[in-house]
Amino acid sequence: QVQLVESGGGLVQAGGSLRLSCAASGSIFSFNAMGWYRQAPGKQRELVARITPGGNTNYADSVKGRFTISRDNAKTTVYLQMNSLRPEDTSVYYCWAAGNFWGQGTQVTVSS
C-alpha cells in the first residue's frame, strides 16, 4: 500500500508564493520518479513538474522559471516551490509517483 499525502495548498494573492509538500509512505522506493500535476475545473489534468531520483527535472512551459521541484530521497518527499503565482495557476494540485500512485490533491487558489 502506497500513500502520498500533500500539504501546503491555500489562498494567495497574485505574485505570491506557496510551497507544496508530498510525503510518500508504504511500498515506495527512493528510485521512483515523483512529481506534481494539476487540474482546474472543466480541464484535463496536466503535468506541472517531475523529478527523477537523480534530480533530473522537467516542467510545463507555463511554470518554467517560476516553479521549482525538489526531492528528499531519504524521506521520499517531494516539494514544489511556486513563486510569482498567477490566477491561472488556480487548480487542485496532485502529487504523483511512478507506478501510477496519486495523492488526494490540495487546492491552490490565486486571487487577482
Protein backbone atom coordinates (compact mmCIF):
# COMPACT_ATOMS: atom_id res chain seq x y z
CA GLN A 1 0.00 0.00 0.00
CA VAL A 2 1.37 3.36 -1.05
CA GLN A 3 0.19 6.66 0.34
CA LEU A 4 1.01 10.13 -0.92
CA VAL A 5 -0.02 12.95 1.38
CA GLU A 6 0.10 16.54 0.14
CA SER A 7 0.21 19.69 2.20
CA GLY A 8 0.84 23.38 1.70
CA GLY A 9 -2.03 24.48 -0.51
CA GLY A 10 -4.10 27.56 0.20
CA LEU A 11 -5.15 31.00 -0.92
CA VAL A 12 -2.59 33.54 -2.07
CA GLN A 13 -2.62 36.81 -3.97
CA ALA A 14 -1.19 37.06 -7.46
CA GLY A 15 2.58 37.44 -7.29
CA GLY A 16 2.79 35.50 -4.06
CA SER A 17 4.39 32.16 -3.23
CA LEU A 18 3.40 28.79 -1.87
CA ARG A 19 5.34 25.61 -1.15
CA LEU A 20 3.69 22.24 -1.59
CA SER A 21 4.99 19.09 0.07
CA CYS A 22 4.20 15.45 -0.62
CA ALA A 23 5.25 12.73 1.78
CA ALA A 24 5.27 9.17 0.47
CA SER A 25 4.87 6.11 2.65
CA GLY A 26 4.37 2.41 2.15
CA SER A 27 5.90 0.28 -0.56
CA ILE A 28 7.53 3.11 -2.43
CA PHE A 29 11.19 3.46 -3.08
CA SER A 30 13.56 6.34 -3.41
CA PHE A 31 14.14 5.35 -7.02
CA ASN A 32 10.59 6.22 -8.06
CA ALA A 33 10.20 9.31 -10.16
CA MET A 34 7.84 11.76 -8.47
CA GLY A 35 6.08 14.90 -9.48
CA TRP A 36 3.11 17.23 -9.47
CA TYR A 37 0.10 17.50 -11.72
CA ARG A 38 -2.81 19.92 -11.56
CA GLN A 39 -6.39 20.00 -12.66
CA ALA A 40 -8.59 23.08 -12.95
CA PRO A 41 -12.39 22.83 -13.14
CA GLY A 42 -13.51 21.67 -16.57
CA LYS A 43 -9.96 20.96 -17.71
CA GLN A 44 -7.81 17.87 -18.06
CA ARG A 45 -5.17 17.01 -15.52
CA GLU A 46 -1.81 18.32 -16.69
CA LEU A 47 1.81 17.82 -15.75
CA VAL A 48 3.36 20.63 -13.72
CA ALA A 49 6.79 19.18 -12.93
CA ARG A 50 8.57 15.87 -12.49
CA ILE A 51 11.84 14.87 -10.88
CA THR A 52 13.85 11.66 -11.14
CA PRO A 53 15.74 10.12 -8.22
CA GLY A 54 18.92 11.51 -9.74
CA GLY A 55 17.48 15.01 -9.74
CA ASN A 56 16.66 15.46 -13.41
CA THR A 57 13.62 17.68 -13.81
CA ASN A 58 11.12 18.71 -16.41
CA TYR A 59 8.47 21.41 -16.22
CA ALA A 60 5.40 22.54 -18.06
CA ASP A 61 6.22 25.57 -20.20
CA SER A 62 3.67 27.63 -18.28
CA VAL A 63 5.58 27.29 -14.98
CA LYS A 64 9.21 27.35 -16.13
CA GLY A 65 11.19 29.96 -14.27
CA ARG A 66 8.51 30.32 -11.57
CA PHE A 67 8.18 26.84 -10.03
CA THR A 68 10.93 24.62 -8.68
CA ILE A 69 10.59 20.93 -7.88
CA SER A 70 12.92 19.18 -5.47
CA ARG A 71 13.03 15.96 -3.50
CA ASP A 72 14.48 14.41 -0.40
CA ASN A 73 15.17 10.80 -1.28
CA ALA A 74 15.85 9.76 2.28
CA LYS A 75 12.36 10.92 3.25
CA THR A 76 10.71 10.06 -0.09
CA THR A 77 9.31 13.56 -0.04
CA VAL A 78 8.88 15.87 -2.98
CA TYR A 79 8.39 19.63 -2.85
CA LEU A 80 7.06 22.24 -5.26
CA GLN A 81 8.12 25.83 -4.64
CA MET A 82 5.74 28.11 -6.51
CA ASN A 83 6.71 31.76 -6.97
CA SER A 84 5.14 34.61 -8.93
CA LEU A 85 1.80 32.86 -8.79
CA ARG A 86 -0.88 33.84 -11.28
CA PRO A 87 -4.66 33.44 -11.19
CA GLU A 88 -4.35 30.84 -13.95
CA ASP A 89 -2.32 28.66 -11.57
CA THR A 90 -5.50 28.09 -9.57
CA SER A 91 -6.09 24.33 -9.53
CA VAL A 92 -6.13 21.22 -7.44
CA TYR A 93 -2.53 20.03 -7.29
CA TYR A 94 -1.87 16.29 -7.14
CA CYS A 95 1.27 14.52 -6.06
CA TRP A 96 2.31 11.64 -8.33
CA ALA A 97 4.81 8.80 -8.08
CA ALA A 98 5.88 6.35 -10.74
CA GLY A 99 3.76 3.24 -10.54
CA ASN A 100 0.63 5.35 -11.00
CA PHE A 101 0.33 6.45 -7.41
CA TRP A 102 -1.60 9.63 -6.64
CA GLY A 103 -2.28 11.82 -3.65
CA GLN A 104 -5.70 13.16 -2.75
CA GLY A 105 -4.95 16.65 -4.03
CA THR A 106 -4.54 20.06 -2.44
CA GLN A 107 -6.30 23.22 -3.55
CA VAL A 108 -4.27 26.22 -4.66
CA THR A 109 -6.20 29.42 -5.26
CA VAL A 110 -4.55 32.57 -6.59
CA SER A 111 -6.60 35.75 -6.37
CA SER A 112 -6.10 38.66 -8.73
